[in-house]
Amino acid sequence: MSAVLAFSAQADEKSIQHLKIADVTSVEDARKIFIEKTSEIRSKRDLDAAELQEIHVITYTLEKSVEYFALNLIGDKKKLAEDIAVVVENIHINSERNRKEETRKYLNQYFVMADTFIKGF
């Protein structure tokens, strides 16, 4: 998967670097990405500014994995993937804005949901 950097400026915030990530096209890739990115995020303990920015970048790829599941699964798995997508977006936004405590809150929710989701693989 290749990532192309794109830049976007918002009127009320400083310029923020955004990534364009290729769509996930198979359940195998989605599963691999989900497990790897969850592990990467789980390794972040301090949630200082540097780690929050690393988490922010990781969420771009994680979002693509979760999106694949939300679009391609059915039933309870689909619902869980959709719920995870909301939490991942909250992690993305809060880590981007260096909101340590909010990010931690959503990470805690995410890890519980992700562990349940992974057990179903």
PDB file of N, CA and C in Angstrom:
ATOM      1  N   MET A   1       0.840  -1.162   0.000  1.00  0.00           N
ATOM      2  CA  MET A   1       0.000   0.000   0.000  1.00  0.00           C
ATOM      3  C   MET A   1       0.887   1.228   0.000  1.00  0.00           C
ATOM      4  N   SER A   2       0.584   2.174  -0.873  1.00  0.00           N
ATOM      5  CA  SER A   2       1.394   3.375  -0.895  1.00  0.00           C
ATOM      6  C   SER A   2       0.588   4.542  -0.372  1.00  0.00           C
ATOM      7  N   ALA A   3       1.274   5.417   0.306  1.00  0.00           N
ATOM      8  CA  ALA A   3       0.634   6.596   0.861  1.00  0.00           C
ATOM      9  C   ALA A   3       1.197   7.821   0.170  1.00  0.00           C
ATOM     10  N   VAL A   4       0.331   8.698  -0.202  1.00  0.00           N
ATOM     11  CA  VAL A   4       0.737   9.940  -0.824  1.00  0.00           C
ATOM     12  C   VAL A   4       0.371  11.055   0.139  1.00  0.00           C
ATOM     13  N   LEU A   5       1.339  11.925   0.401  1.00  0.00           N
ATOM     14  CA  LEU A   5       1.074  13.021   1.318  1.00  0.00           C
ATOM     15  C   LEU A   5       0.314  14.133   0.615  1.00  0.00           C
ATOM     16  N   ALA A   6      -0.647  14.654   1.291  1.00  0.00           N
ATOM     17  CA  ALA A   6      -1.379  15.815   0.801  1.00  0.00           C
ATOM     18  C   ALA A   6      -1.471  16.804   1.955  1.00  0.00           C
ATOM     19  N   PHE A   7      -1.536  18.046   1.632  1.00  0.00           N
ATOM     20  CA  PHE A   7      -1.570  19.057   2.676  1.00  0.00           C
ATOM     21  C   PHE A   7      -2.884  19.821   2.623  1.00  0.00           C
ATOM     22  N   SER A   8      -3.401  20.111   3.796  1.00  0.00           N
ATOM     23  CA  SER A   8      -4.670  20.811   3.894  1.00  0.00           C
ATOM     24  C   SER A   8      -4.575  21.830   5.015  1.00  0.00           C
ATOM     25  N   ALA A   9      -5.027  23.026   4.761  1.00  0.00           N
ATOM     26  CA  ALA A   9      -5.034  24.058   5.797  1.00  0.00           C
ATOM     27  C   ALA A   9      -6.474  24.339   6.185  1.00  0.00           C
ATOM     28  N   GLN A  10      -6.679  24.506   7.461  1.00  0.00           N
ATOM     29  CA  GLN A  10      -8.004  24.848   7.945  1.00  0.00           C
ATOM     30  C   GLN A  10      -7.934  26.258   8.512  1.00  0.00           C
ATOM     31  N   ALA A  11      -8.990  27.025   8.326  1.00  0.00           N
ATOM     32  CA  ALA A  11      -8.985  28.433   8.682  1.00  0.00           C
ATOM     33  C   ALA A  11      -8.693  28.680  10.154  1.00  0.00           C
ATOM     34  N   ASP A  12      -9.255  27.881  11.038  1.00  0.00           N
ATOM     35  CA  ASP A  12      -9.108  28.158  12.457  1.00  0.00           C
ATOM     36  C   ASP A  12      -8.046  27.309  13.144  1.00  0.00           C
ATOM     37  N   GLU A  13      -7.326  26.509  12.414  1.00  0.00           N
ATOM     38  CA  GLU A  13      -6.269  25.688  12.992  1.00  0.00           C
ATOM     39  C   GLU A  13      -5.036  25.799  12.127  1.00  0.00           C
ATOM     40  N   LYS A  14      -3.891  25.451  12.725  1.00  0.00           N
ATOM     41  CA  LYS A  14      -2.665  25.466  11.931  1.00  0.00           C
ATOM     42  C   LYS A  14      -2.755  24.411  10.833  1.00  0.00           C
ATOM     43  N   SER A  15      -1.924  24.537   9.837  1.00  0.00           N
ATOM     44  CA  SER A  15      -1.894  23.584   8.735  1.00  0.00           C
ATOM     45  C   SER A  15      -1.598  22.187   9.266  1.00  0.00           C
ATOM     46  N   ILE A  16      -2.389  21.223   8.830  1.00  0.00           N
ATOM     47  CA  ILE A  16      -2.258  19.849   9.310  1.00  0.00           C
ATOM     48  C   ILE A  16      -1.946  18.944   8.129  1.00  0.00           C
ATOM     49  N   GLN A  17      -0.983  18.078   8.315  1.00  0.00           N
ATOM     50  CA  GLN A  17      -0.604  17.143   7.261  1.00  0.00           C
ATOM     51  C   GLN A  17      -1.604  15.990   7.234  1.00  0.00           C
ATOM     52  N   HIS A  18      -2.121  15.699   6.052  1.00  0.00           N
ATOM     53  CA  HIS A  18      -3.062  14.597   5.907  1.00  0.00           C
ATOM     54  C   HIS A  18      -2.513  13.571   4.927  1.00  0.00           C
ATOM     55  N   LEU A  19      -2.878  12.337   5.139  1.00  0.00           N
ATOM     56  CA  LEU A  19      -2.415  11.248   4.284  1.00  0.00           C
ATOM     57  C   LEU A  19      -3.550  10.740   3.416  1.00  0.00           C
ATOM     58  N   LYS A  20      -3.209  10.333   2.236  1.00  0.00           N
ATOM     59  CA  LYS A  20      -4.148   9.631   1.357  1.00  0.00           C
ATOM     60  C   LYS A  20      -3.698   8.175   1.356  1.00  0.00           C
ATOM     61  N   ILE A  21      -4.576   7.292   1.768  1.00  0.00           N
ATOM     62  CA  ILE A  21      -4.261   5.872   1.891  1.00  0.00           C
ATOM     63  C   ILE A  21      -5.114   5.093   0.890  1.00  0.00           C
ATOM     64  N   ALA A  22      -4.500   4.132   0.247  1.00  0.00           N
ATOM     65  CA  ALA A  22      -5.235   3.287  -0.703  1.00  0.00           C
ATOM     66  C   ALA A  22      -6.310   2.494   0.030  1.00  0.00           C
ATOM     67  N   ASP A  23      -7.413   2.243  -0.660  1.00  0.00           N
ATOM     68  CA  ASP A  23      -8.482   1.436  -0.082  1.00  0.00           C
ATOM     69  C   ASP A  23      -8.008   0.007   0.145  1.00  0.00           C
ATOM     70  N   VAL A  24      -8.558  -0.622   1.160  1.00  0.00           N
ATOM     71  CA  VAL A  24      -8.304  -2.035   1.440  1.00  0.00           C
ATOM     72  C   VAL A  24      -9.254  -2.836   0.555  1.00  0.00           C
ATOM     73  N   THR A  25      -8.731  -3.870  -0.098  1.00  0.00           N
ATOM     74  CA  THR A  25      -9.542  -4.586  -1.091  1.00  0.00           C
ATOM     75  C   THR A  25      -9.775  -6.061  -0.784  1.00  0.00           C
ATOM     76  N   SER A  26      -9.282  -6.548   0.348  1.00  0.00           N
ATOM     77  CA  SER A  26      -9.531  -7.956   0.685  1.00  0.00           C
ATOM     78  C   SER A  26      -9.662  -8.113   2.191  1.00  0.00           C
ATOM     79  N   VAL A  27     -10.393  -9.142   2.578  1.00  0.00           N
ATOM     80  CA  VAL A  27     -10.563  -9.415   4.001  1.00  0.00           C
ATOM     81  C   VAL A  27      -9.224  -9.754   4.652  1.00  0.00           C
ATOM     82  N   GLU A  28      -8.344 -10.414   3.900  1.00  0.00           N
ATOM     83  CA  GLU A  28      -7.026 -10.769   4.436  1.00  0.00           C
ATOM     84  C   GLU A  28      -6.223  -9.515   4.753  1.00  0.00           C
ATOM     85  N   ASP A  29      -6.219  -8.560   3.822  1.00  0.00           N
ATOM     86  CA  ASP A  29      -5.501  -7.306   4.066  1.00  0.00           C
ATOM     87  C   ASP A  29      -6.130  -6.526   5.216  1.00  0.00           C
ATOM     88  N   ALA A  30      -7.456  -6.474   5.243  1.00  0.00           N
ATOM     89  CA  ALA A  30      -8.151  -5.749   6.308  1.00  0.00           C
ATOM     90  C   ALA A  30      -7.813  -6.337   7.671  1.00  0.00           C
ATOM     91  N   ARG A  31      -7.817  -7.651   7.756  1.00  0.00           N
ATOM     92  CA  ARG A  31      -7.507  -8.340   9.015  1.00  0.00           C
ATOM     93  C   ARG A  31      -6.071  -8.051   9.446  1.00  0.00           C
ATOM     94  N   LYS A  32      -5.132  -8.185   8.513  1.00  0.00           N
ATOM     95  CA  LYS A  32      -3.711  -7.954   8.813  1.00  0.00           C
ATOM     96  C   LYS A  32      -3.483  -6.519   9.285  1.00  0.00           C
ATOM     97  N   ILE A  33      -4.045  -5.570   8.569  1.00  0.00           N
ATOM     98  CA  ILE A  33      -3.893  -4.158   8.930  1.00  0.00           C
ATOM     99  C   ILE A  33      -4.505  -3.892  10.296  1.00  0.00           C
ATOM    100  N   PHE A  34      -5.701  -4.418  10.536  1.00  0.00           N
ATOM    101  CA  PHE A  34      -6.389  -4.187  11.803  1.00  0.00           C
ATOM    102  C   PHE A  34      -5.541  -4.674  12.974  1.00  0.00           C
ATOM    103  N   ILE A  35      -5.016  -5.872  12.863  1.00  0.00           N
ATOM    104  CA  ILE A  35      -4.206  -6.444  13.946  1.00  0.00           C
ATOM    105  C   ILE A  35      -2.908  -5.665  14.121  1.00  0.00           C
ATOM    106  N   GLU A  36      -2.218  -5.363  13.014  1.00  0.00           N
ATOM    107  CA  GLU A  36      -0.938  -4.651  13.098  1.00  0.00           C
ATOM    108  C   GLU A  36      -1.106  -3.241  13.654  1.00  0.00           C
ATOM    109  N   LYS A  37      -2.079  -2.513  13.166  1.00  0.00           N
ATOM    110  CA  LYS A  37      -2.263  -1.127  13.606  1.00  0.00           C
ATOM    111  C   LYS A  37      -2.765  -1.064  15.040  1.00  0.00           C
ATOM    112  N   THR A  38      -3.598  -2.020  15.433  1.00  0.00           N
ATOM    113  CA  THR A  38      -4.031  -2.079  16.829  1.00  0.00           C
ATOM    114  C   THR A  38      -2.836  -2.309  17.733  1.00  0.00           C
ATOM    115  N   SER A  39      -1.948  -3.202  17.342  1.00  0.00           N
ATOM    116  CA  SER A  39      -0.737  -3.469  18.115  1.00  0.00           C
ATOM    117  C   SER A  39       0.152  -2.227  18.197  1.00  0.00           C
ATOM    118  N   GLU A  40       0.305  -1.532  17.081  1.00  0.00           N
ATOM    119  CA  GLU A  40       1.118  -0.309  17.080  1.00  0.00           C
ATOM    120  C   GLU A  40       0.545   0.730  18.038  1.00  0.00           C
ATOM    121  N   ILE A  41      -0.755   0.929  17.980  1.00  0.00           N
ATOM    122  CA  ILE A  41      -1.379   1.918  18.864  1.00  0.00           C
ATOM    123  C   ILE A  41      -1.273   1.478  20.318  1.00  0.00           C
ATOM    124  N   ARG A  42      -1.451   0.189  20.565  1.00  0.00           N
ATOM    125  CA  ARG A  42      -1.383  -0.325  21.934  1.00  0.00           C
ATOM    126  C   ARG A  42      -0.002  -0.094  22.556  1.00  0.00           C
ATOM    127  N   SER A  43       1.035  -0.001  21.726  1.00  0.00           N
ATOM    128  CA  SER A  43       2.397   0.202  22.241  1.00  0.00           C
ATOM    129  C   SER A  43       2.632   1.633  22.715  1.00  0.00           C
ATOM    130  N   LYS A  44       1.743   2.539  22.393  1.00  0.00           N
ATOM    131  CA  LYS A  44       1.885   3.938  22.805  1.00  0.00           C
ATOM    132  C   LYS A  44       1.361   4.076  24.223  1.00  0.00           C
ATOM    133  N   ARG A  45       2.239   4.405  25.138  1.00  0.00           N
ATOM    134  CA  ARG A  45       1.861   4.454  26.553  1.00  0.00           C
ATOM    135  C   ARG A  45       1.794   5.868  27.124  1.00  0.00           C
ATOM    136  N   ASP A  46       2.722   6.729  26.700  1.00  0.00           N
ATOM    137  CA  ASP A  46       2.830   8.058  27.306  1.00  0.00           C
ATOM    138  C   ASP A  46       1.776   9.035  26.795  1.00  0.00           C
ATOM    139  N   LEU A  47       1.416   8.870  25.551  1.00  0.00           N
ATOM    140  CA  LEU A  47       0.491   9.778  24.882  1.00  0.00           C
ATOM    141  C   LEU A  47       0.963  11.231  24.964  1.00  0.00           C
ATOM    142  N   ASP A  48       2.283  11.395  24.837  1.00  0.00           N
ATOM    143  CA  ASP A  48       2.824  12.746  24.714  1.00  0.00           C
ATOM    144  C   ASP A  48       2.539  13.237  23.296  1.00  0.00           C
ATOM    145  N   ALA A  49       2.949  14.458  22.988  1.00  0.00           N
ATOM    146  CA  ALA A  49       2.628  15.047  21.680  1.00  0.00           C
ATOM    147  C   ALA A  49       3.137  14.188  20.529  1.00  0.00           C
ATOM    148  N   ALA A  50       4.332  13.639  20.664  1.00  0.00           N
ATOM    149  CA  ALA A  50       4.900  12.814  19.589  1.00  0.00           C
ATOM    150  C   ALA A  50       4.082  11.543  19.390  1.00  0.00           C
ATOM    151  N   GLU A  51       3.718  10.875  20.480  1.00  0.00           N
ATOM    152  CA  GLU A  51       2.920   9.650  20.359  1.00  0.00           C
ATOM    153  C   GLU A  51       1.518   9.941  19.832  1.00  0.00           C
ATOM    154  N   LEU A  52       0.945  11.049  20.249  1.00  0.00           N
ATOM    155  CA  LEU A  52      -0.379  11.403  19.737  1.00  0.00           C
ATOM    156  C   LEU A  52      -0.336  11.610  18.228  1.00  0.00           C
ATOM    157  N   GLN A  53       0.720  12.223  17.735  1.00  0.00           N
ATOM    158  CA  GLN A  53       0.837  12.410  16.290  1.00  0.00           C
ATOM    159  C   GLN A  53       1.074  11.077  15.577  1.00  0.00           C
ATOM    160  N   GLU A  54       1.829  10.176  16.204  1.00  0.00           N
ATOM    161  CA  GLU A  54       2.014   8.840  15.626  1.00  0.00           C
ATOM    162  C   GLU A  54       0.673   8.109  15.553  1.00  0.00           C
ATOM    163  N   ILE A  55      -0.107   8.200  16.606  1.00  0.00           N
ATOM    164  CA  ILE A  55      -1.433   7.574  16.622  1.00  0.00           C
ATOM    165  C   ILE A  55      -2.300   8.183  15.525  1.00  0.00           C
ATOM    166  N   HIS A  56      -2.248   9.482  15.402  1.00  0.00           N
ATOM    167  CA  HIS A  56      -3.016  10.165  14.356  1.00  0.00           C
ATOM    168  C   HIS A  56      -2.692   9.588  12.982  1.00  0.00           C
ATOM    169  N   VAL A  57      -1.425   9.413  12.686  1.00  0.00           N
ATOM    170  CA  VAL A  57      -1.014   8.868  11.386  1.00  0.00           C
ATOM    171  C   VAL A  57      -1.472   7.415  11.240  1.00  0.00           C
ATOM    172  N   ILE A  58      -1.335   6.629  12.284  1.00  0.00           N
ATOM    173  CA  ILE A  58      -1.743   5.221  12.247  1.00  0.00           C
ATOM    174  C   ILE A  58      -3.236   5.094  11.950  1.00  0.00           C
ATOM    175  N   THR A  59      -4.031   6.018  12.485  1.00  0.00           N
ATOM    176  CA  THR A  59      -5.483   5.895  12.300  1.00  0.00           C
ATOM    177  C   THR A  59      -5.914   6.009  10.845  1.00  0.00           C
ATOM    178  N   TYR A  60      -5.122   6.658  10.008  1.00  0.00           N
ATOM    179  CA  TYR A  60      -5.495   6.732   8.590  1.00  0.00           C
ATOM    180  C   TYR A  60      -5.630   5.329   7.994  1.00  0.00           C
ATOM    181  N   THR A  61      -4.642   4.493   8.231  1.00  0.00           N
ATOM    182  CA  THR A  61      -4.663   3.135   7.694  1.00  0.00           C
ATOM    183  C   THR A  61      -5.692   2.280   8.434  1.00  0.00           C
ATOM    184  N   LEU A  62      -5.761   2.443   9.739  1.00  0.00           N
ATOM    185  CA  LEU A  62      -6.736   1.692  10.530  1.00  0.00           C
ATOM    186  C   LEU A  62      -8.159   1.988  10.053  1.00  0.00           C
ATOM    187  N   GLU A  63      -8.435   3.248   9.756  1.00  0.00           N
ATOM    188  CA  GLU A  63      -9.767   3.610   9.261  1.00  0.00           C
ATOM    189  C   GLU A  63     -10.120   2.863   7.977  1.00  0.00           C
ATOM    190  N   LYS A  64      -9.158   2.679   7.104  1.00  0.00           N
ATOM    191  CA  LYS A  64      -9.411   1.958   5.847  1.00  0.00           C
ATOM    192  C   LYS A  64      -9.759   0.494   6.110  1.00  0.00           C
ATOM    193  N   SER A  65      -9.078  -0.106   7.069  1.00  0.00           N
ATOM    194  CA  SER A  65      -9.356  -1.487   7.436  1.00  0.00           C
ATOM    195  C   SER A  65     -10.770  -1.618   8.008  1.00  0.00           C
ATOM    196  N   VAL A  66     -11.084  -0.752   8.941  1.00  0.00           N
ATOM    197  CA  VAL A  66     -12.399  -0.789   9.581  1.00  0.00           C
ATOM    198  C   VAL A  66     -13.500  -0.491   8.563  1.00  0.00           C
ATOM    199  N   GLU A  67     -13.235   0.431   7.662  1.00  0.00           N
ATOM    200  CA  GLU A  67     -14.205   0.745   6.608  1.00  0.00           C
ATOM    201  C   GLU A  67     -14.503  -0.496   5.760  1.00  0.00           C
ATOM    202  N   TYR A  68     -13.461  -1.247   5.426  1.00  0.00           N
ATOM    203  CA  TYR A  68     -13.657  -2.473   4.647  1.00  0.00           C
ATOM    204  C   TYR A  68     -14.599  -3.425   5.386  1.00  0.00           C
ATOM    205  N   PHE A  69     -14.339  -3.618   6.677  1.00  0.00           N
ATOM    206  CA  PHE A  69     -15.192  -4.514   7.459  1.00  0.00           C
ATOM    207  C   PHE A  69     -16.632  -3.998   7.519  1.00  0.00           C
ATOM    208  N   ALA A  70     -16.797  -2.700   7.755  1.00  0.00           N
ATOM    209  CA  ALA A  70     -18.141  -2.129   7.871  1.00  0.00           C
ATOM    210  C   ALA A  70     -18.930  -2.277   6.571  1.00  0.00           C
ATOM    211  N   LEU A  71     -18.242  -2.233   5.453  1.00  0.00           N
ATOM    212  CA  LEU A  71     -18.910  -2.352   4.155  1.00  0.00           C
ATOM    213  C   LEU A  71     -19.155  -3.798   3.727  1.00  0.00           C
ATOM    214  N   ASN A  72     -18.353  -4.725   4.239  1.00  0.00           N
ATOM    215  CA  ASN A  72     -18.384  -6.087   3.699  1.00  0.00           C
ATOM    216  C   ASN A  72     -18.853  -7.172   4.658  1.00  0.00           C
ATOM    217  N   LEU A  73     -18.997  -6.857   5.915  1.00  0.00           N
ATOM    218  CA  LEU A  73     -19.493  -7.859   6.860  1.00  0.00           C
ATOM    219  C   LEU A  73     -21.006  -7.720   7.002  1.00  0.00           C
ATOM    220  N   ILE A  74     -21.599  -8.679   7.700  1.00  0.00           N
ATOM    221  CA  ILE A  74     -23.042  -8.640   7.933  1.00  0.00           C
ATOM    222  C   ILE A  74     -23.328  -8.889   9.412  1.00  0.00           C
ATOM    223  N   GLY A  75     -24.530  -8.563   9.819  1.00  0.00           N
ATOM    224  CA  GLY A  75     -24.989  -8.875  11.166  1.00  0.00           C
ATOM    225  C   GLY A  75     -24.222  -8.163  12.263  1.00  0.00           C
ATOM    226  N   ASP A  76     -23.984  -8.905  13.357  1.00  0.00           N
ATOM    227  CA  ASP A  76     -23.320  -8.342  14.530  1.00  0.00           C
ATOM    228  C   ASP A  76     -21.911  -7.842  14.221  1.00  0.00           C
ATOM    229  N   LYS A  77     -21.197  -8.548  13.347  1.00  0.00           N
ATOM    230  CA  LYS A  77     -19.830  -8.143  12.979  1.00  0.00           C
ATOM    231  C   LYS A  77     -19.847  -6.787  12.275  1.00  0.00           C
ATOM    232  N   LYS A  78     -20.813  -6.608  11.388  1.00  0.00           N
ATOM    233  CA  LYS A  78     -20.945  -5.333  10.678  1.00  0.00           C
ATOM    234  C   LYS A  78     -21.224  -4.211  11.675  1.00  0.00           C
ATOM    235  N   LYS A  79     -22.152  -4.441  12.588  1.00  0.00           N
ATOM    236  CA  LYS A  79     -22.509  -3.436  13.600  1.00  0.00           C
ATOM    237  C   LYS A  79     -21.299  -3.086  14.453  1.00  0.00           C
ATOM    238  N   LEU A  80     -20.545  -4.098  14.874  1.00  0.00           N
ATOM    239  CA  LEU A  80     -19.356  -3.838  15.679  1.00  0.00           C
ATOM    240  C   LEU A  80     -18.336  -3.035  14.877  1.00  0.00           C
ATOM    241  N   ALA A  81     -18.143  -3.375  13.616  1.00  0.00           N
ATOM    242  CA  ALA A  81     -17.210  -2.623  12.762  1.00  0.00           C
ATOM    243  C   ALA A  81     -17.662  -1.170  12.629  1.00  0.00           C
ATOM    244  N   GLU A  82     -18.952  -0.951  12.478  1.00  0.00           N
ATOM    245  CA  GLU A  82     -19.476   0.415  12.385  1.00  0.00           C
ATOM    246  C   GLU A  82     -19.245   1.177  13.688  1.00  0.00           C
ATOM    247  N   ASP A  83     -19.441   0.512  14.816  1.00  0.00           N
ATOM    248  CA  ASP A  83     -19.193   1.138  16.119  1.00  0.00           C
ATOM    249  C   ASP A  83     -17.704   1.445  16.300  1.00  0.00           C
ATOM    250  N   ILE A  84     -16.862   0.528  15.879  1.00  0.00           N
ATOM    251  CA  ILE A  84     -15.416   0.740  15.952  1.00  0.00           C
ATOM    252  C   ILE A  84     -15.025   1.936  15.086  1.00  0.00           C
ATOM    253  N   ALA A  85     -15.636   2.065  13.926  1.00  0.00           N
ATOM    254  CA  ALA A  85     -15.321   3.184  13.026  1.00  0.00           C
ATOM    255  C   ALA A  85     -15.553   4.530  13.706  1.00  0.00           C
ATOM    256  N   VAL A  86     -16.619   4.637  14.470  1.00  0.00           N
ATOM    257  CA  VAL A  86     -16.920   5.881  15.186  1.00  0.00           C
ATOM    258  C   VAL A  86     -15.836   6.167  16.220  1.00  0.00           C
ATOM    259  N   VAL A  87     -15.434   5.152  16.958  1.00  0.00           N
ATOM    260  CA  VAL A  87     -14.411   5.324  17.989  1.00  0.00           C
ATOM    261  C   VAL A  87     -13.062   5.662  17.358  1.00  0.00           C
ATOM    262  N   VAL A  88     -12.720   5.000  16.258  1.00  0.00           N
ATOM    263  CA  VAL A  88     -11.452   5.284  15.573  1.00  0.00           C
ATOM    264  C   VAL A  88     -11.438   6.730  15.074  1.00  0.00           C
ATOM    265  N   GLU A  89     -12.557   7.206  14.578  1.00  0.00           N
ATOM    266  CA  GLU A  89     -12.630   8.611  14.139  1.00  0.00           C
ATOM    267  C   GLU A  89     -12.412   9.554  15.318  1.00  0.00           C
ATOM    268  N   ASN A  90     -12.969   9.220  16.477  1.00  0.00           N
ATOM    269  CA  ASN A  90     -12.745  10.037  17.673  1.00  0.00           C
ATOM    270  C   ASN A  90     -11.278  10.013  18.099  1.00  0.00           C
ATOM    271  N   ILE A  91     -10.637   8.866  17.989  1.00  0.00           N
ATOM    272  CA  ILE A  91      -9.199   8.768  18.275  1.00  0.00           C
ATOM    273  C   ILE A  91      -8.433   9.636  17.287  1.00  0.00           C
ATOM    274  N   HIS A  92      -8.790   9.534  16.022  1.00  0.00           N
ATOM    275  CA  HIS A  92      -8.131  10.301  14.963  1.00  0.00           C
ATOM    276  C   HIS A  92      -8.193  11.804  15.262  1.00  0.00           C
ATOM    277  N   ILE A  93      -9.378  12.301  15.517  1.00  0.00           N
ATOM    278  CA  ILE A  93      -9.574  13.735  15.748  1.00  0.00           C
ATOM    279  C   ILE A  93      -8.856  14.195  17.011  1.00  0.00           C
ATOM    280  N   ASN A  94      -9.012  13.465  18.098  1.00  0.00           N
ATOM    281  CA  ASN A  94      -8.419  13.898  19.361  1.00  0.00           C
ATOM    282  C   ASN A  94      -6.903  13.781  19.370  1.00  0.00           C
ATOM    283  N   SER A  95      -6.359  12.759  18.739  1.00  0.00           N
ATOM    284  CA  SER A  95      -4.896  12.655  18.669  1.00  0.00           C
ATOM    285  C   SER A  95      -4.335  13.751  17.772  1.00  0.00           C
ATOM    286  N   GLU A  96      -5.038  14.066  16.702  1.00  0.00           N
ATOM    287  CA  GLU A  96      -4.612  15.138  15.795  1.00  0.00           C
ATOM    288  C   GLU A  96      -4.537  16.473  16.532  1.00  0.00           C
ATOM    289  N   ARG A  97      -5.428  16.675  17.461  1.00  0.00           N
ATOM    290  CA  ARG A  97      -5.508  17.944  18.194  1.00  0.00           C
ATOM    291  C   ARG A  97      -4.758  17.901  19.525  1.00  0.00           C
ATOM    292  N   ASN A  98      -3.967  16.849  19.722  1.00  0.00           N
ATOM    293  CA  ASN A  98      -3.145  16.690  20.932  1.00  0.00           C
ATOM    294  C   ASN A  98      -3.968  16.701  22.218  1.00  0.00           C
ATOM    295  N   ARG A  99      -5.108  16.072  22.189  1.00  0.00           N
ATOM    296  CA  ARG A  99      -5.970  15.958  23.366  1.00  0.00           C
ATOM    297  C   ARG A  99      -5.705  14.611  24.031  1.00  0.00           C
ATOM    298  N   LYS A 100      -4.786  14.636  24.966  1.00  0.00           N
ATOM    299  CA  LYS A 100      -4.300  13.403  25.596  1.00  0.00           C
ATOM    300  C   LYS A 100      -5.412  12.616  26.296  1.00  0.00           C
ATOM    301  N   GLU A 101      -6.134  13.261  27.190  1.00  0.00           N
ATOM    302  CA  GLU A 101      -7.129  12.537  27.993  1.00  0.00           C
ATOM    303  C   GLU A 101      -8.297  12.037  27.149  1.00  0.00           C
ATOM    304  N   GLU A 102      -8.743  12.844  26.195  1.00  0.00           N
ATOM    305  CA  GLU A 102      -9.819  12.398  25.319  1.00  0.00           C
ATOM    306  C   GLU A 102      -9.360  11.222  24.463  1.00  0.00           C
ATOM    307  N   THR A 103      -8.124  11.318  23.968  1.00  0.00           N
ATOM    308  CA  THR A 103      -7.582  10.216  23.172  1.00  0.00           C
ATOM    309  C   THR A 103      -7.510   8.951  24.009  1.00  0.00           C
ATOM    310  N   ARG A 104      -7.026   9.070  25.236  1.00  0.00           N
ATOM    311  CA  ARG A 104      -6.924   7.905  26.126  1.00  0.00           C
ATOM    312  C   ARG A 104      -8.302   7.274  26.352  1.00  0.00           C
ATOM    313  N   LYS A 105      -9.304   8.100  26.564  1.00  0.00           N
ATOM    314  CA  LYS A 105     -10.669   7.596  26.789  1.00  0.00           C
ATOM    315  C   LYS A 105     -11.140   6.770  25.589  1.00  0.00           C
ATOM    316  N   TYR A 106     -10.947   7.300  24.396  1.00  0.00           N
ATOM    317  CA  TYR A 106     -11.388   6.579  23.198  1.00  0.00           C
ATOM    318  C   TYR A 106     -10.510   5.364  22.908  1.00  0.00           C
ATOM    319  N   LEU A 107      -9.231   5.449  23.240  1.00  0.00           N
ATOM    320  CA  LEU A 107      -8.365   4.275  23.076  1.00  0.00           C
ATOM    321  C   LEU A 107      -8.838   3.136  23.971  1.00  0.00           C
ATOM    322  N   ASN A 108      -9.189   3.454  25.206  1.00  0.00           N
ATOM    323  CA  ASN A 108      -9.679   2.414  26.115  1.00  0.00           C
ATOM    324  C   ASN A 108     -10.935   1.748  25.553  1.00  0.00           C
ATOM    325  N   GLN A 109     -11.846   2.539  25.001  1.00  0.00           N
ATOM    326  CA  GLN A 109     -13.041   1.972  24.366  1.00  0.00           C
ATOM    327  C   GLN A 109     -12.647   1.113  23.169  1.00  0.00           C
ATOM    328  N   TYR A 110     -11.731   1.639  22.372  1.00  0.00           N
ATOM    329  CA  TYR A 110     -11.298   0.937  21.164  1.00  0.00           C
ATOM    330  C   TYR A 110     -10.697  -0.422  21.491  1.00  0.00           C
ATOM    331  N   PHE A 111      -9.815  -0.483  22.483  1.00  0.00           N
ATOM    332  CA  PHE A 111      -9.141  -1.745  22.789  1.00  0.00           C
ATOM    333  C   PHE A 111     -10.130  -2.823  23.219  1.00  0.00           C
ATOM    334  N   VAL A 112     -11.145  -2.462  23.972  1.00  0.00           N
ATOM    335  CA  VAL A 112     -12.172  -3.434  24.366  1.00  0.00           C
ATOM    336  C   VAL A 112     -12.902  -3.943  23.118  1.00  0.00           C
ATOM    337  N   MET A 113     -13.296  -3.025  22.257  1.00  0.00           N
ATOM    338  CA  MET A 113     -14.017  -3.402  21.041  1.00  0.00           C
ATOM    339  C   MET A 113     -13.121  -4.199  20.094  1.00  0.00           C
ATOM    340  N   ALA A 114     -11.878  -3.761  19.946  1.00  0.00           N
ATOM    341  CA  ALA A 114     -10.942  -4.433  19.037  1.00  0.00           C
ATOM    342  C   ALA A 114     -10.660  -5.852  19.508  1.00  0.00           C
ATOM    343  N   ASP A 115     -10.498  -6.034  20.810  1.00  0.00           N
ATOM    344  CA  ASP A 115     -10.243  -7.380  21.331  1.00  0.00           C
ATOM    345  C   ASP A 115     -11.414  -8.309  21.016  1.00  0.00           C
ATOM    346  N   THR A 116     -12.624  -7.820  21.173  1.00  0.00           N
ATOM    347  CA  THR A 116     -13.811  -8.609  20.832  1.00  0.00           C
ATOM    348  C   THR A 116     -13.830  -8.919  19.341  1.00  0.00           C
ATOM    349  N   PHE A 117     -13.522  -7.925  18.530  1.00  0.00           N
ATOM    350  CA  PHE A 117     -13.541  -8.084  17.078  1.00  0.00           C
ATOM    351  C   PHE A 117     -12.493  -9.094  16.625  1.00  0.00           C
ATOM    352  N   ILE A 118     -11.288  -8.993  17.176  1.00  0.00           N
ATOM    353  CA  ILE A 118     -10.180  -9.885  16.795  1.00  0.00           C
ATOM    354  C   ILE A 118     -10.492 -11.333  17.164  1.00  0.00           C
ATOM    355  N   LYS A 119     -11.168 -11.549  18.291  1.00  0.00           N
ATOM    356  CA  LYS A 119     -11.517 -12.919  18.698  1.00  0.00           C
ATOM    357  C   LYS A 119     -12.358 -13.621  17.641  1.00  0.00           C
ATOM    358  N   GLY A 120     -13.073 -12.841  16.846  1.00  0.00           N
ATOM    359  CA  GLY A 120     -13.926 -13.412  15.811  1.00  0.00           C
ATOM    360  C   GLY A 120     -13.208 -13.741  14.511  1.00  0.00           C
ATOM    361  N   PHE A 121     -11.922 -13.443  14.439  1.00  0.00           N
ATOM    362  CA  PHE A 121     -11.166 -13.718  13.196  1.00  0.00           C
ATOM    363  C   PHE A 121     -10.883 -15.185  13.050  1.00  0.00           C
TER     364      PHE A 121
END
